[in-house]
Amino acid sequence: MAETEDSNKNTPEVRIMHNGPLILKGNFSFRDSSGKIITGEQEILLCRCGESKNKPFCDCSHKTLPVTD
């Protein structure tokens, strides 16, 4: 049976942005570093550069860093 776009729209997706955050999108549960659980349909950007003032979430601090390839 072929999967339709509707059946996949809530499936969690993970994307890694070049010189940017890790993006989690879809219907899932996430526990942050303080133990708070976030559940449901959502998009979360997670810091990969280590410079965010709002860890584990991205605050775009990576934009102030030198570009790497």
N, C-alpha and C. Protein backbone atom coordinates (compact mmCIF):
# COMPACT_ATOMS: atom_id res chain seq x y z
N MET A 1 0.84 -1.18 0.00
CA MET A 1 0.00 0.00 0.00
C MET A 1 0.89 1.24 0.00
N ALA A 2 0.60 2.18 -0.87
CA ALA A 2 1.40 3.40 -0.98
C ALA A 2 1.03 4.37 0.14
N GLU A 3 2.05 5.03 0.69
CA GLU A 3 1.80 6.01 1.73
C GLU A 3 1.44 7.34 1.09
N THR A 4 0.51 8.04 1.71
CA THR A 4 0.09 9.33 1.20
C THR A 4 0.76 10.44 1.98
N GLU A 5 0.72 11.63 1.43
CA GLU A 5 1.30 12.79 2.11
C GLU A 5 0.61 13.01 3.45
N ASP A 6 -0.73 12.80 3.52
CA ASP A 6 -1.46 12.99 4.76
C ASP A 6 -1.01 12.03 5.84
N SER A 7 -0.69 10.78 5.47
CA SER A 7 -0.28 9.80 6.48
C SER A 7 1.12 10.10 7.00
N ASN A 8 1.92 10.87 6.27
CA ASN A 8 3.28 11.20 6.69
C ASN A 8 3.42 12.56 7.35
N LYS A 9 2.37 13.39 7.33
CA LYS A 9 2.54 14.77 7.78
C LYS A 9 2.87 14.89 9.27
N ASN A 10 2.49 13.92 10.10
CA ASN A 10 2.78 13.97 11.52
C ASN A 10 3.99 13.14 11.91
N THR A 11 4.60 12.46 10.94
CA THR A 11 5.78 11.66 11.20
C THR A 11 6.94 12.59 11.54
N PRO A 12 7.62 12.35 12.67
CA PRO A 12 8.75 13.21 13.03
C PRO A 12 9.82 13.24 11.93
N GLU A 13 10.39 14.41 11.73
CA GLU A 13 11.44 14.63 10.73
C GLU A 13 12.60 15.32 11.43
N VAL A 14 13.81 14.91 11.12
CA VAL A 14 15.01 15.53 11.67
C VAL A 14 15.84 16.06 10.52
N ARG A 15 16.21 17.35 10.58
CA ARG A 15 17.07 17.94 9.55
C ARG A 15 18.26 18.61 10.24
N ILE A 16 19.42 18.50 9.64
CA ILE A 16 20.62 19.17 10.14
C ILE A 16 20.94 20.30 9.17
N MET A 17 20.90 21.53 9.66
CA MET A 17 21.17 22.69 8.82
C MET A 17 22.68 22.95 8.79
N HIS A 18 23.22 23.18 7.59
CA HIS A 18 24.64 23.48 7.44
C HIS A 18 24.96 24.74 8.24
N ASN A 19 25.93 24.65 9.14
CA ASN A 19 26.32 25.76 10.02
C ASN A 19 25.13 26.32 10.79
N GLY A 20 24.18 25.46 11.14
CA GLY A 20 22.99 25.90 11.86
C GLY A 20 22.49 24.83 12.80
N PRO A 21 21.23 24.97 13.20
CA PRO A 21 20.66 24.08 14.21
C PRO A 21 20.22 22.72 13.68
N LEU A 22 19.87 21.87 14.60
CA LEU A 22 19.21 20.61 14.32
C LEU A 22 17.72 20.92 14.42
N ILE A 23 16.95 20.58 13.39
CA ILE A 23 15.53 20.90 13.36
C ILE A 23 14.73 19.62 13.52
N LEU A 24 13.88 19.58 14.56
CA LEU A 24 12.96 18.47 14.80
C LEU A 24 11.57 18.97 14.48
N LYS A 25 10.86 18.25 13.60
CA LYS A 25 9.54 18.71 13.18
C LYS A 25 8.59 17.52 13.12
N GLY A 26 7.37 17.69 13.62
CA GLY A 26 6.37 16.63 13.56
C GLY A 26 5.67 16.47 14.89
N ASN A 27 5.10 15.29 15.09
CA ASN A 27 4.36 14.99 16.30
C ASN A 27 5.24 14.10 17.18
N PHE A 28 5.77 14.66 18.28
CA PHE A 28 6.68 13.92 19.14
C PHE A 28 6.72 14.54 20.52
N SER A 29 7.38 13.86 21.45
CA SER A 29 7.62 14.38 22.80
C SER A 29 9.10 14.69 22.93
N PHE A 30 9.40 15.77 23.64
CA PHE A 30 10.77 16.21 23.83
C PHE A 30 10.94 16.63 25.29
N ARG A 31 11.98 16.14 25.96
CA ARG A 31 12.26 16.53 27.34
C ARG A 31 13.50 17.41 27.32
N ASP A 32 13.36 18.68 27.79
CA ASP A 32 14.52 19.58 27.78
C ASP A 32 15.41 19.32 28.99
N SER A 33 16.49 20.07 29.11
CA SER A 33 17.48 19.83 30.15
C SER A 33 16.95 20.08 31.56
N SER A 34 15.86 20.83 31.69
CA SER A 34 15.27 21.07 33.01
C SER A 34 14.22 20.01 33.36
N GLY A 35 13.96 19.07 32.43
CA GLY A 35 12.99 18.02 32.67
C GLY A 35 11.60 18.32 32.14
N LYS A 36 11.40 19.52 31.60
CA LYS A 36 10.10 19.88 31.04
C LYS A 36 9.84 19.05 29.78
N ILE A 37 8.63 18.48 29.67
CA ILE A 37 8.27 17.67 28.51
C ILE A 37 7.37 18.49 27.60
N ILE A 38 7.75 18.59 26.34
CA ILE A 38 6.98 19.28 25.32
C ILE A 38 6.43 18.19 24.40
N THR A 39 5.11 18.14 24.22
CA THR A 39 4.48 17.08 23.44
C THR A 39 3.56 17.66 22.39
N GLY A 40 3.46 16.99 21.24
CA GLY A 40 2.49 17.36 20.21
C GLY A 40 3.15 17.73 18.90
N GLU A 41 2.35 18.29 18.01
CA GLU A 41 2.82 18.75 16.70
C GLU A 41 3.65 20.00 16.92
N GLN A 42 4.90 20.00 16.47
CA GLN A 42 5.78 21.12 16.77
C GLN A 42 7.00 21.14 15.86
N GLU A 43 7.71 22.23 15.93
CA GLU A 43 9.01 22.36 15.30
C GLU A 43 9.95 22.93 16.34
N ILE A 44 11.04 22.23 16.60
CA ILE A 44 12.01 22.65 17.61
C ILE A 44 13.37 22.78 16.94
N LEU A 45 14.05 23.89 17.20
CA LEU A 45 15.41 24.10 16.70
C LEU A 45 16.37 23.93 17.86
N LEU A 46 17.29 22.96 17.73
CA LEU A 46 18.25 22.67 18.78
C LEU A 46 19.62 23.19 18.41
N CYS A 47 20.29 23.82 19.38
CA CYS A 47 21.61 24.39 19.18
C CYS A 47 22.65 23.30 18.92
N ARG A 48 23.51 23.53 17.92
CA ARG A 48 24.64 22.65 17.65
C ARG A 48 25.97 23.36 17.85
N CYS A 49 25.94 24.70 17.93
CA CYS A 49 27.20 25.45 18.01
C CYS A 49 27.70 25.61 19.45
N GLY A 50 26.81 25.44 20.43
CA GLY A 50 27.19 25.58 21.83
C GLY A 50 27.14 26.99 22.35
N GLU A 51 26.77 27.96 21.53
CA GLU A 51 26.78 29.36 21.93
C GLU A 51 25.43 29.91 22.36
N SER A 52 24.35 29.14 22.21
CA SER A 52 23.01 29.61 22.54
C SER A 52 22.91 30.00 24.01
N LYS A 53 22.20 31.07 24.28
CA LYS A 53 21.92 31.49 25.66
C LYS A 53 20.64 30.82 26.16
N ASN A 54 20.01 30.02 25.31
CA ASN A 54 18.74 29.36 25.63
C ASN A 54 18.84 27.85 25.36
N LYS A 55 19.98 27.25 25.75
CA LYS A 55 20.21 25.83 25.50
C LYS A 55 19.12 24.99 26.13
N PRO A 56 18.68 23.95 25.49
CA PRO A 56 19.22 23.32 24.30
C PRO A 56 18.71 23.93 23.00
N PHE A 57 17.89 24.97 23.11
CA PHE A 57 17.27 25.56 21.93
C PHE A 57 18.18 26.56 21.23
N CYS A 58 18.04 26.66 19.92
CA CYS A 58 18.82 27.59 19.11
C CYS A 58 18.29 29.00 19.29
N ASP A 59 19.18 29.97 19.49
CA ASP A 59 18.80 31.38 19.53
C ASP A 59 19.49 32.16 18.42
N CYS A 60 19.99 31.45 17.41
CA CYS A 60 20.67 32.00 16.23
C CYS A 60 22.05 32.57 16.54
N SER A 61 22.64 32.22 17.69
CA SER A 61 24.00 32.66 18.02
C SER A 61 25.00 32.18 16.98
N HIS A 62 24.70 31.08 16.28
CA HIS A 62 25.62 30.55 15.27
C HIS A 62 25.88 31.55 14.15
N LYS A 63 24.97 32.50 13.97
CA LYS A 63 25.13 33.49 12.91
C LYS A 63 26.27 34.46 13.19
N THR A 64 26.72 34.55 14.46
CA THR A 64 27.82 35.45 14.82
C THR A 64 29.17 34.75 14.74
N LEU A 65 29.17 33.45 14.48
CA LEU A 65 30.41 32.68 14.41
C LEU A 65 30.99 32.70 12.99
N PRO A 66 32.29 32.49 12.86
CA PRO A 66 32.89 32.40 11.52
C PRO A 66 32.26 31.25 10.74
N VAL A 67 32.05 31.44 9.46
CA VAL A 67 31.47 30.40 8.60
C VAL A 67 32.50 29.32 8.36
N THR A 68 32.06 28.06 8.47
CA THR A 68 32.94 26.93 8.17
C THR A 68 32.30 26.11 7.06
N ASP A 69 33.11 25.37 6.35
CA ASP A 69 32.58 24.52 5.27
C ASP A 69 32.57 23.08 5.66
